[in-house]
Amino acid sequence: MDPSLVKNLSEAITEAEQGHFLASAMISSRVIRYIVDNIPGERDEDKVEYLVESGAIPGAGRTWRSS
């Protein structure tokens, strides 16, 4: 695991415990962005399709795309 992820999660928790919820959310978003950026696929739809096909998102039989 990337050490910066651990640092950012730890900092986000510290900020939340101090009641600094906006700061915590902004720091947490770095981790979320890192994870999303590392999911295979160019577009968000491609990333969701990958997650469904890999079984990371249950309910692969359901239609998730909006037309």
N, C-alpha and C. Protein backbone atom coordinates (compact mmCIF):
# COMPACT_ATOMS: atom_id res chain seq x y z
N MET A 1 0.85 -1.17 0.00
CA MET A 1 0.00 0.00 0.00
C MET A 1 0.90 1.23 0.00
N ASP A 2 0.48 2.21 -0.75
CA ASP A 2 1.21 3.47 -0.85
C ASP A 2 1.22 4.16 0.53
N PRO A 3 2.41 4.53 1.03
CA PRO A 3 2.48 5.19 2.34
C PRO A 3 1.67 6.47 2.43
N SER A 4 1.50 7.18 1.32
CA SER A 4 0.72 8.42 1.36
C SER A 4 -0.76 8.13 1.62
N LEU A 5 -1.23 6.95 1.21
CA LEU A 5 -2.62 6.58 1.50
C LEU A 5 -2.83 6.44 3.00
N VAL A 6 -1.91 5.75 3.65
CA VAL A 6 -1.99 5.56 5.10
C VAL A 6 -1.93 6.92 5.80
N LYS A 7 -1.02 7.76 5.37
CA LYS A 7 -0.88 9.09 5.97
C LYS A 7 -2.16 9.91 5.79
N ASN A 8 -2.73 9.88 4.57
CA ASN A 8 -3.95 10.64 4.31
C ASN A 8 -5.13 10.11 5.10
N LEU A 9 -5.27 8.80 5.20
CA LEU A 9 -6.37 8.23 5.98
C LEU A 9 -6.23 8.58 7.46
N SER A 10 -5.02 8.49 7.97
CA SER A 10 -4.76 8.83 9.37
C SER A 10 -5.09 10.30 9.64
N GLU A 11 -4.67 11.16 8.73
CA GLU A 11 -4.93 12.60 8.88
C GLU A 11 -6.43 12.89 8.79
N ALA A 12 -7.12 12.20 7.90
CA ALA A 12 -8.57 12.40 7.76
C ALA A 12 -9.30 12.00 9.04
N ILE A 13 -8.87 10.89 9.64
CA ILE A 13 -9.48 10.45 10.90
C ILE A 13 -9.22 11.46 12.01
N THR A 14 -8.00 11.93 12.09
CA THR A 14 -7.64 12.93 13.11
C THR A 14 -8.51 14.18 12.96
N GLU A 15 -8.65 14.66 11.73
CA GLU A 15 -9.46 15.86 11.50
C GLU A 15 -10.92 15.62 11.87
N ALA A 16 -11.45 14.44 11.52
CA ALA A 16 -12.84 14.12 11.86
C ALA A 16 -13.04 14.07 13.37
N GLU A 17 -12.08 13.47 14.08
CA GLU A 17 -12.17 13.39 15.54
C GLU A 17 -12.15 14.77 16.19
N GLN A 18 -11.54 15.72 15.53
CA GLN A 18 -11.49 17.08 16.05
C GLN A 18 -12.69 17.92 15.58
N GLY A 19 -13.59 17.28 14.84
CA GLY A 19 -14.78 17.99 14.37
C GLY A 19 -14.56 18.80 13.11
N HIS A 20 -13.45 18.60 12.46
CA HIS A 20 -13.14 19.32 11.22
C HIS A 20 -13.58 18.47 10.03
N PHE A 21 -14.89 18.42 9.83
CA PHE A 21 -15.44 17.47 8.87
C PHE A 21 -15.14 17.84 7.42
N LEU A 22 -15.11 19.11 7.09
CA LEU A 22 -14.77 19.51 5.73
C LEU A 22 -13.33 19.12 5.41
N ALA A 23 -12.42 19.40 6.32
CA ALA A 23 -11.03 19.02 6.12
C ALA A 23 -10.89 17.51 5.98
N SER A 24 -11.61 16.77 6.81
CA SER A 24 -11.56 15.31 6.75
C SER A 24 -12.07 14.82 5.40
N ALA A 25 -13.16 15.39 4.93
CA ALA A 25 -13.71 14.98 3.63
C ALA A 25 -12.75 15.30 2.49
N MET A 26 -12.12 16.46 2.55
CA MET A 26 -11.19 16.84 1.49
C MET A 26 -9.97 15.93 1.46
N ILE A 27 -9.47 15.58 2.62
CA ILE A 27 -8.31 14.68 2.69
C ILE A 27 -8.72 13.28 2.24
N SER A 28 -9.89 12.82 2.67
CA SER A 28 -10.38 11.50 2.27
C SER A 28 -10.57 11.41 0.76
N SER A 29 -10.93 12.52 0.15
CA SER A 29 -11.15 12.49 -1.30
C SER A 29 -9.87 12.17 -2.06
N ARG A 30 -8.72 12.48 -1.50
CA ARG A 30 -7.45 12.10 -2.14
C ARG A 30 -7.33 10.59 -2.26
N VAL A 31 -7.71 9.89 -1.20
CA VAL A 31 -7.64 8.43 -1.19
C VAL A 31 -8.65 7.87 -2.19
N ILE A 32 -9.85 8.39 -2.18
CA ILE A 32 -10.88 7.92 -3.10
C ILE A 32 -10.44 8.14 -4.55
N ARG A 33 -9.89 9.31 -4.83
CA ARG A 33 -9.43 9.62 -6.19
C ARG A 33 -8.31 8.67 -6.61
N TYR A 34 -7.41 8.35 -5.72
CA TYR A 34 -6.31 7.43 -6.01
C TYR A 34 -6.86 6.06 -6.38
N ILE A 35 -7.84 5.59 -5.60
CA ILE A 35 -8.42 4.28 -5.85
C ILE A 35 -9.15 4.27 -7.19
N VAL A 36 -9.97 5.27 -7.45
CA VAL A 36 -10.71 5.34 -8.71
C VAL A 36 -9.76 5.41 -9.89
N ASP A 37 -8.71 6.19 -9.76
CA ASP A 37 -7.75 6.33 -10.86
C ASP A 37 -7.03 5.02 -11.17
N ASN A 38 -6.97 4.10 -10.22
CA ASN A 38 -6.28 2.84 -10.43
C ASN A 38 -7.20 1.70 -10.86
N ILE A 39 -8.48 1.98 -11.04
CA ILE A 39 -9.40 0.98 -11.60
C ILE A 39 -9.25 1.03 -13.11
N PRO A 40 -9.05 -0.12 -13.76
CA PRO A 40 -8.90 -0.12 -15.22
C PRO A 40 -10.12 0.48 -15.93
N GLY A 41 -9.86 1.23 -16.98
CA GLY A 41 -10.92 1.83 -17.78
C GLY A 41 -10.69 3.32 -17.94
N GLU A 42 -11.07 3.81 -19.10
CA GLU A 42 -10.91 5.24 -19.39
C GLU A 42 -12.05 6.07 -18.79
N ARG A 43 -13.28 5.62 -19.04
CA ARG A 43 -14.45 6.37 -18.59
C ARG A 43 -15.01 5.73 -17.32
N ASP A 44 -15.85 6.48 -16.61
CA ASP A 44 -16.48 5.95 -15.40
C ASP A 44 -17.28 4.69 -15.71
N GLU A 45 -17.97 4.69 -16.86
CA GLU A 45 -18.77 3.53 -17.25
C GLU A 45 -17.88 2.30 -17.43
N ASP A 46 -16.68 2.48 -18.00
CA ASP A 46 -15.73 1.38 -18.17
C ASP A 46 -15.27 0.83 -16.82
N LYS A 47 -15.06 1.73 -15.88
CA LYS A 47 -14.62 1.32 -14.55
C LYS A 47 -15.72 0.53 -13.84
N VAL A 48 -16.96 0.99 -13.95
CA VAL A 48 -18.08 0.27 -13.34
C VAL A 48 -18.23 -1.09 -13.99
N GLU A 49 -18.14 -1.15 -15.31
CA GLU A 49 -18.25 -2.43 -16.01
C GLU A 49 -17.16 -3.39 -15.54
N TYR A 50 -15.95 -2.90 -15.38
CA TYR A 50 -14.85 -3.74 -14.87
C TYR A 50 -15.18 -4.27 -13.47
N LEU A 51 -15.68 -3.40 -12.60
CA LEU A 51 -15.99 -3.81 -11.23
C LEU A 51 -17.12 -4.83 -11.19
N VAL A 52 -18.12 -4.66 -12.04
CA VAL A 52 -19.23 -5.62 -12.11
C VAL A 52 -18.72 -6.96 -12.62
N GLU A 53 -17.96 -6.93 -13.72
CA GLU A 53 -17.47 -8.17 -14.32
C GLU A 53 -16.50 -8.92 -13.40
N SER A 54 -15.74 -8.17 -12.60
CA SER A 54 -14.78 -8.81 -11.71
C SER A 54 -15.44 -9.33 -10.42
N GLY A 55 -16.71 -8.98 -10.21
CA GLY A 55 -17.43 -9.43 -9.03
C GLY A 55 -17.28 -8.52 -7.83
N ALA A 56 -16.57 -7.40 -8.01
CA ALA A 56 -16.40 -6.46 -6.90
C ALA A 56 -17.70 -5.75 -6.55
N ILE A 57 -18.59 -5.63 -7.54
CA ILE A 57 -19.92 -5.06 -7.33
C ILE A 57 -20.92 -6.19 -7.54
N PRO A 58 -21.67 -6.56 -6.51
CA PRO A 58 -22.62 -7.65 -6.66
C PRO A 58 -23.78 -7.26 -7.57
N GLY A 59 -24.44 -8.26 -8.11
CA GLY A 59 -25.61 -8.00 -8.95
C GLY A 59 -25.25 -7.80 -10.39
N ALA A 60 -24.27 -8.56 -10.88
CA ALA A 60 -23.80 -8.39 -12.24
C ALA A 60 -24.89 -8.62 -13.27
N GLY A 61 -25.97 -9.31 -12.89
CA GLY A 61 -27.05 -9.57 -13.82
C GLY A 61 -27.95 -8.37 -14.03
N ARG A 62 -27.88 -7.39 -13.17
CA ARG A 62 -28.73 -6.21 -13.28
C ARG A 62 -28.14 -5.23 -14.28
N THR A 63 -28.99 -4.44 -14.87
CA THR A 63 -28.55 -3.39 -15.78
C THR A 63 -28.20 -2.17 -14.95
N TRP A 64 -27.02 -1.65 -15.11
CA TRP A 64 -26.59 -0.50 -14.34
C TRP A 64 -26.49 0.75 -15.18
N ARG A 65 -26.45 0.62 -16.48
CA ARG A 65 -26.31 1.80 -17.36
C ARG A 65 -27.65 2.50 -17.51
N SER A 66 -27.58 3.82 -17.52
CA SER A 66 -28.78 4.59 -17.83
C SER A 66 -28.68 5.01 -19.29
N SER A 67 -29.74 4.84 -20.02
CA SER A 67 -29.71 5.13 -21.46
C SER A 67 -29.95 6.58 -21.74
